[in-house]
Protein backbone atom coordinates (compact mmCIF):
# COMPACT_ATOMS: atom_id res chain seq x y z
CA MET A 1 0.00 0.00 0.00
CA GLU A 2 1.49 3.33 -1.05
CA ARG A 3 1.94 5.82 1.76
CA ALA A 4 -0.07 9.05 1.44
CA LYS A 5 2.11 11.99 0.37
CA ALA A 6 -0.16 14.73 1.75
CA TRP A 7 -3.50 15.44 3.35
CA THR A 8 -5.78 18.47 3.37
CA ILE A 9 -6.96 20.30 6.49
CA PRO A 10 -9.91 22.69 5.96
CA ALA A 11 -9.43 26.08 7.62
CA THR A 12 -11.00 29.55 7.47
CA LEU A 13 -8.68 32.41 8.40
CA THR A 14 -9.18 36.12 8.85
CA THR A 15 -6.31 38.22 7.48
CA THR A 16 -5.38 41.50 9.16
CA PHE A 17 -3.59 43.94 6.84
CA GLU A 18 -1.50 46.38 8.88
CA LEU A 19 -0.96 49.97 7.74
CA ASP A 20 0.95 51.19 10.80
CA TYR A 21 4.56 49.94 10.73
CA ALA A 22 5.83 51.73 13.83
CA VAL A 23 7.36 49.64 16.62
CA ASP A 24 4.54 48.84 19.03
CA ALA A 25 5.97 45.80 20.87
CA PRO A 26 9.71 46.42 21.42
CA ASP A 27 10.36 42.97 22.90
CA LEU A 28 8.89 41.26 19.84
CA ARG A 29 10.76 43.60 17.50
CA ARG A 30 13.96 42.59 19.31
CA LEU A 31 13.12 38.92 18.72
CA TYR A 32 12.63 39.76 15.04
CA GLU A 33 16.04 41.47 14.92
CA ASN A 34 17.65 38.45 16.60
CA ALA A 35 16.00 36.14 14.09
CA LYS A 36 17.46 38.13 11.19
CA ARG A 37 20.88 38.07 12.81
CA ASP A 38 20.88 34.34 13.50
CA GLN A 39 19.74 32.91 10.16
CA TRP A 40 21.79 29.94 8.90
CA ASN A 41 21.86 27.87 5.73
CA ALA A 42 21.23 24.14 6.08
CA SER A 43 23.01 23.48 2.79
CA LYS A 44 26.23 25.34 3.61
CA ASP A 45 26.53 25.67 7.38
CA ILE A 46 26.35 21.97 8.32
CA ALA A 47 29.50 19.88 7.84
CA TRP A 48 27.70 17.14 5.93
CA SER A 49 30.96 15.45 4.90
CA THR A 50 31.94 14.67 8.51
CA PRO A 51 32.44 10.88 8.90
CA PRO A 52 29.73 9.06 10.91
CA ALA A 53 30.44 7.04 14.05
CA PRO A 54 32.55 3.99 13.11
CA ASP A 55 30.00 1.53 14.52
CA GLY A 56 27.06 3.17 12.73
CA ARG A 57 25.28 4.33 15.88
CA ILE A 58 23.39 7.63 15.74
CA ILE A 59 22.57 8.23 19.40
CA ALA A 60 23.81 6.77 22.67
CA ASP A 61 22.38 3.31 23.34
CA GLU A 62 21.13 4.60 26.71
CA LEU A 63 18.37 6.44 24.83
CA VAL A 64 16.93 3.22 23.40
CA ASP A 65 13.92 2.30 25.56
CA ILE A 66 15.06 -1.23 26.38
CA TYR A 67 18.72 -0.43 27.09
CA GLY A 68 19.83 -2.37 30.16
CA SER A 69 16.94 -4.84 30.01
CA PRO A 70 17.10 -8.59 29.27
CA LEU A 71 15.57 -7.81 25.86
CA TRP A 72 18.53 -5.57 25.06
CA ASP A 73 21.10 -8.02 26.36
CA ALA A 74 19.65 -10.74 24.14
CA LEU A 75 20.23 -8.74 20.95
CA SER A 76 23.26 -9.29 18.76
CA GLU A 77 25.64 -6.36 18.27
CA ALA A 78 24.33 -5.88 14.73
CA ASP A 79 20.72 -5.76 15.97
CA LYS A 80 21.65 -3.27 18.70
CA VAL A 81 23.10 -0.96 16.06
CA GLN A 82 20.04 -1.40 13.84
CA LEU A 83 17.65 -0.65 16.71
CA ASN A 84 19.71 2.41 17.64
CA ARG A 85 19.43 3.73 14.07
CA ARG A 86 15.72 2.95 13.81
CA ILE A 87 14.84 4.60 17.12
CA ALA A 88 16.82 7.67 16.02
CA ALA A 89 15.00 7.69 12.68
CA TYR A 90 11.62 7.45 14.41
CA ARG A 91 12.34 10.34 16.77
CA LEU A 92 13.82 12.53 14.06
CA GLY A 93 10.79 11.77 11.89
CA VAL A 94 8.44 12.95 14.65
CA LEU A 95 10.46 16.18 14.82
CA MET A 96 10.59 16.57 11.02
CA TYR A 97 6.81 16.28 10.70
CA GLY A 98 6.38 18.71 13.58
CA GLU A 99 8.63 21.27 11.91
CA GLN A 100 6.46 21.26 8.79
CA GLY A 101 3.34 21.55 10.93
CA ALA A 102 4.93 24.53 12.68
CA MET A 103 5.85 26.11 9.33
CA LEU A 104 2.22 25.85 8.16
CA ALA A 105 0.82 27.12 11.45
CA CYS A 106 3.15 30.12 11.52
CA SER A 107 2.29 30.98 7.92
CA GLN A 108 -1.32 31.19 9.09
CA MET A 109 -0.26 33.28 12.08
CA VAL A 110 1.24 35.93 9.81
CA ASP A 111 -2.33 36.52 8.60
CA LEU A 112 -4.05 36.20 11.96
CA VAL A 113 -1.95 38.20 14.40
CA GLU A 114 -2.44 41.94 14.75
CA GLY A 115 0.48 44.34 14.90
CA THR A 116 3.48 44.62 12.64
CA ASP A 117 5.90 43.36 15.29
CA HIS A 118 3.87 40.16 15.67
CA LYS A 119 3.67 39.66 11.91
CA PHE A 120 7.36 40.32 11.31
CA PHE A 121 8.39 37.79 13.93
CA GLN A 122 5.99 35.12 12.68
CA ALA A 123 7.39 35.59 9.17
CA THR A 124 10.88 34.75 10.50
CA GLN A 125 9.54 31.65 12.23
CA VAL A 126 8.07 30.42 8.93
CA MET A 127 11.60 30.55 7.49
CA ASP A 128 13.09 28.88 10.58
CA GLU A 129 10.64 25.98 10.43
CA ALA A 130 11.18 25.50 6.70
CA ARG A 131 14.92 25.24 7.32
CA HIS A 132 14.38 22.75 10.16
CA ASN A 133 12.13 20.62 7.97
CA GLU A 134 14.76 20.73 5.23
CA VAL A 135 17.74 19.87 7.43
CA LEU A 136 16.02 16.98 9.22
CA LYS A 137 14.83 15.45 5.95
CA ARG A 138 18.34 15.72 4.52
CA TYR A 139 19.83 14.16 7.64
CA ILE A 140 17.43 11.20 7.48
CA ALA A 141 18.07 10.78 3.74
CA GLU A 142 21.87 11.00 3.87
CA ARG A 143 22.80 9.64 7.30
CA LEU A 144 19.99 7.13 7.87
CA ASP A 145 19.54 5.78 4.33
CA ASP A 146 16.18 7.57 4.06
CA LEU A 147 14.69 5.39 6.81
CA SER A 148 11.30 6.90 7.54
CA TYR A 149 8.18 6.07 9.54
CA PRO A 150 4.59 7.36 9.35
CA MET A 151 3.56 10.44 11.29
CA PRO A 152 2.20 9.28 14.68
CA ARG A 153 -1.56 9.54 15.06
CA ASN A 154 -1.36 11.86 18.07
CA GLU A 155 0.84 14.24 16.09
CA VAL A 156 -1.60 14.18 13.18
CA GLU A 157 -4.52 14.99 15.49
CA LEU A 158 -2.63 17.79 17.25
CA PHE A 159 -1.70 19.53 14.00
CA GLU A 160 -5.14 19.04 12.51
CA SER A 161 -6.43 20.93 15.55
CA ILE A 162 -3.75 23.65 15.40
CA LEU A 163 -4.10 24.22 11.66
CA GLY A 164 -7.89 24.19 11.76
CA GLU A 165 -8.05 26.62 14.69
CA THR A 166 -8.94 30.23 13.80
CA ARG A 167 -7.68 31.97 16.95
CA TRP A 168 -3.99 32.86 16.99
CA TYR A 169 -3.61 32.62 20.75
CA LEU A 170 -4.83 29.00 20.85
CA LYS A 171 -2.41 28.15 18.03
CA THR A 172 0.35 29.82 20.04
CA ILE A 173 -0.40 27.84 23.19
CA ALA A 174 -0.40 24.49 21.41
CA LEU A 175 2.52 25.26 19.10
CA GLN A 176 5.01 27.57 20.78
CA LEU A 177 4.43 26.62 24.41
CA VAL A 178 3.61 22.91 24.20
CA ALA A 179 4.81 21.29 20.95
CA GLU A 180 7.89 23.52 20.65
CA THR A 181 8.92 22.86 24.26
CA PHE A 182 8.57 19.13 23.68
CA ALA A 183 10.73 19.49 20.56
CA VAL A 184 13.35 21.56 22.40
CA SER A 185 13.61 18.90 25.11
CA LEU A 186 14.03 16.16 22.50
CA PHE A 187 16.58 18.16 20.50
CA LYS A 188 18.59 18.79 23.68
CA LEU A 189 18.43 15.11 24.55
CA MET A 190 19.66 14.10 21.10
CA ALA A 191 22.29 16.83 20.90
CA GLU A 192 23.84 15.69 24.19
CA SER A 193 23.69 12.01 23.28
CA ALA A 194 24.58 12.15 19.57
CA ARG A 195 27.14 9.60 18.42
CA ASP A 196 27.08 11.12 14.94
CA PRO A 197 28.72 14.57 15.11
CA VAL A 198 26.51 15.83 12.26
CA LEU A 199 23.38 15.08 14.32
CA GLY A 200 24.82 17.01 17.24
CA GLU A 201 25.50 19.99 14.99
CA VAL A 202 22.03 19.87 13.42
CA CYS A 203 20.33 19.74 16.82
CA ARG A 204 22.38 22.60 18.25
CA ARG A 205 21.62 24.79 15.23
CA ILE A 206 17.90 24.13 15.55
CA LEU A 207 17.94 24.81 19.30
CA GLY A 208 19.29 28.30 18.65
CA ASP A 209 16.12 29.08 16.70
CA GLU A 210 13.65 27.34 19.00
CA SER A 211 14.41 29.51 22.02
CA ARG A 212 13.08 32.52 20.11
CA HIS A 213 9.90 30.69 19.19
CA MET A 214 8.98 29.96 22.79
CA GLY A 215 9.75 33.59 23.60
CA PHE A 216 6.94 34.70 21.28
CA GLY A 217 4.38 32.83 23.35
CA MET A 218 5.62 34.20 26.66
CA LEU A 219 5.58 37.76 25.32
CA SER A 220 2.30 37.69 23.40
CA LEU A 221 -0.03 35.69 25.66
CA PRO A 222 -0.07 37.39 29.11
CA ASP A 223 -2.55 40.10 28.05
CA VAL A 224 -4.79 37.52 26.37
CA VAL A 225 -5.00 35.42 29.53
CA LYS A 226 -5.33 38.44 31.81
CA ASN A 227 -8.25 39.90 29.83
CA ALA A 228 -10.08 36.61 29.19
CA THR A 229 -13.66 36.20 30.39
CA PRO A 230 -14.41 33.23 32.68
CA GLN A 231 -15.73 31.29 29.66
CA GLU A 232 -12.65 32.17 27.59
CA ARG A 233 -10.35 31.20 30.45
CA THR A 234 -12.01 27.79 30.67
CA GLU A 235 -11.47 27.32 26.94
CA LEU A 236 -7.81 28.37 27.23
CA GLU A 237 -7.22 25.90 30.06
CA ASP A 238 -9.00 23.05 28.26
CA TYR A 239 -7.10 23.61 25.03
CA THR A 240 -3.83 23.69 26.92
CA CYS A 241 -4.68 20.34 28.48
CA TYR A 242 -5.65 18.91 25.09
CA ALA A 243 -2.30 19.97 23.61
CA LEU A 244 -0.43 18.49 26.57
CA GLU A 245 -2.32 15.20 26.33
CA LYS A 246 -1.60 14.85 22.61
CA THR A 247 2.06 15.83 23.01
CA LEU A 248 2.98 13.79 26.08
CA THR A 249 1.27 10.54 25.05
CA GLY A 250 1.16 8.40 21.92
CA PHE A 251 4.79 8.53 20.74
CA PHE A 252 5.82 4.94 21.33
CA PRO A 253 8.22 3.79 18.54
CA LEU A 254 6.28 0.66 17.63
CA GLU A 255 7.50 0.37 14.04
CA PRO A 256 11.25 0.14 14.81
CA TYR A 257 10.64 -2.82 17.13
CA ARG A 258 8.39 -4.50 14.58
CA ASP A 259 11.03 -3.98 11.89
CA LEU A 260 13.56 -5.80 14.04
CA GLY A 261 11.23 -8.79 14.43
CA PHE A 262 9.97 -8.25 17.99
CA THR A 263 6.86 -10.28 18.79
CA LYS A 264 3.72 -8.75 20.29
CA ALA A 265 4.65 -10.18 23.70
CA GLN A 266 8.13 -8.66 23.43
CA ILE A 267 6.70 -5.27 22.42
CA ASP A 268 4.35 -5.40 25.41
CA GLU A 269 7.43 -6.03 27.55
CA VAL A 270 9.15 -3.04 25.95
CA ARG A 271 6.17 -0.84 26.86
CA ARG A 272 6.22 -2.10 30.45
CA TYR A 273 9.96 -1.61 30.82
CA ARG A 274 9.68 1.87 29.29
CA ARG A 275 6.96 2.93 31.76
CA GLU A 276 8.83 1.58 34.78
CA THR A 277 12.12 3.13 33.71
CA ALA A 278 10.54 6.52 33.12
CA ALA A 279 8.97 6.43 36.58
CA ARG A 280 12.25 5.72 38.38
CA ASN A 281 14.50 8.55 39.53
CA ASP A 282 17.72 6.71 38.69
CA TYR A 283 17.33 6.84 34.90
CA ALA A 284 19.83 9.65 34.36
CA PRO A 285 19.30 10.54 30.67
CA PHE A 286 15.52 10.72 30.97
CA ARG A 287 15.61 12.63 34.25
CA LYS A 288 18.41 15.02 33.38
CA TYR A 289 17.74 15.92 29.78
CA PHE A 290 14.06 15.34 29.17
CA LYS A 291 11.78 15.18 32.18
CA ARG A 292 13.60 18.11 33.78
CA GLU A 293 13.24 20.18 30.61
CA MET A 294 9.60 19.28 30.13
CA HIS A 295 8.60 20.18 33.67
CA GLY A 296 11.11 22.95 34.15
CA SER A 297 10.16 24.79 30.97
CA MET A 298 6.77 23.72 29.66
CA VAL A 299 4.83 23.31 32.89
CA THR A 300 6.43 26.28 34.61
CA ASN A 301 5.77 28.62 31.67
CA LEU A 302 2.17 27.47 31.24
CA ALA A 303 1.54 27.84 34.97
CA ARG A 304 3.17 31.28 35.00
CA LEU A 305 0.72 32.39 32.32
CA GLY A 306 -2.19 31.13 34.41
CA LEU A 307 -3.16 28.32 32.04
CA LEU A 308 -2.71 25.45 34.52
CA THR A 309 -5.12 25.69 37.44
CA ASP A 310 -6.60 23.44 40.09
CA ARG A 311 -9.63 22.95 37.84
CA VAL A 312 -7.55 20.95 35.36
CA ARG A 313 -5.31 19.25 37.93
CA PRO A 314 -6.96 15.79 37.50
CA ARG A 315 -6.39 15.86 33.71
CA LEU A 316 -2.78 16.85 34.21
CA GLU A 317 -2.12 14.20 36.85
CA ALA A 318 -3.54 11.55 34.53
CA ILE A 319 -0.65 12.22 32.11
CA GLY A 320 1.99 12.56 34.81
CA VAL A 321 2.10 16.37 35.05
CA LYS A 322 2.27 17.89 38.53
CA LEU A 323 1.48 21.56 39.04
CA PRO A 324 4.39 23.56 40.48
CA ALA A 325 4.00 24.93 43.99
C-alpha cells in the first residue's frame, strides 16, 4: 500500500492587513532582529561530509527504551546498532513532521496576528521551520539511508487541531508553548547524546532558533489570559490540556521494534519496561535531559501564564504532570 504523500486540512482564516509599521511591541521587535541576525543555511553551514560514528550508531544506546533490560542483552551487536538507528530515525521523523506543521501554522499566524511586530516575527519563524524541515529530511536521507516512519496519530490529530483553529492565541499555546517545548527537550536530549557529530550539529543549530519561538508565546499571551472572560479562560485551560495530552502521550516507537522482528509479547514487555524506567528517579538521561526540561520549561511557563489551574489538575495528573507549587 502506497503511503499518502499529503493530506488536506480545511481552515478559514481572517487576514489582518496592517498599515501602521511603527514599533509597538519592542520585545517582539527585538526577537525579530535576533532572528534576522541568527539565520543559517542548512546546505552550507552543516558539515555534511563529517564521517559518521565507526560503529554506525546515531545516538547513545542509553536512549533506546530497552537499554539495560534482558531484551537488550539478548540482541546481537548488529541488531543493537540497527535498533539504535531505527529509534533515532523514528524520533527525528516525529520532529521533522512537527517542523512542517509549525511552518504551516506560523504561515497562518502571519495573517491572523495583529500588529506589525507580531507579523514580522511570525514571518521569520516560517523561514526557521522550513529550514528545520529541510535539514532533518536531509539528515534522514543521507545519514539514515532515508529510513522513515509514518507520522504518529497523536501528532496528526494535534496539528489538525492547530491548523484548523482560527484563533492565533490558541495556536500559540499548542505550538510555541507545548509542541515547541517538547521538541526543544528532545533536540537537547539528542544533541547531548549524539554519536554522529553531524546530528549534534544539526540539533544545536535548531535549538538556537527554537528559544526565540517559545519567547513569542511568553511575550504575546499574558494580556490575552489576563483579559479573558471566565468562559474564555475555561477554553484556554481546556485547550492547553488537550495539547499536553496529545504531546505527552502516543509517541511509542512501535515500528522500529516490529522492523527488528519483535513479537507482540516482546513489544508489550518493551512498553512495560519503558513505563517503569521513566517512573524511576535513577534513569539519568531521561531525568536530566528530558523530564527536567519538560517540567522545568513547559509546565512552569504554562503555569506562569495562568493556564494550569486546580480545575484541570486531574487531567494533568492523569498524564503525569504535577502543578508547580
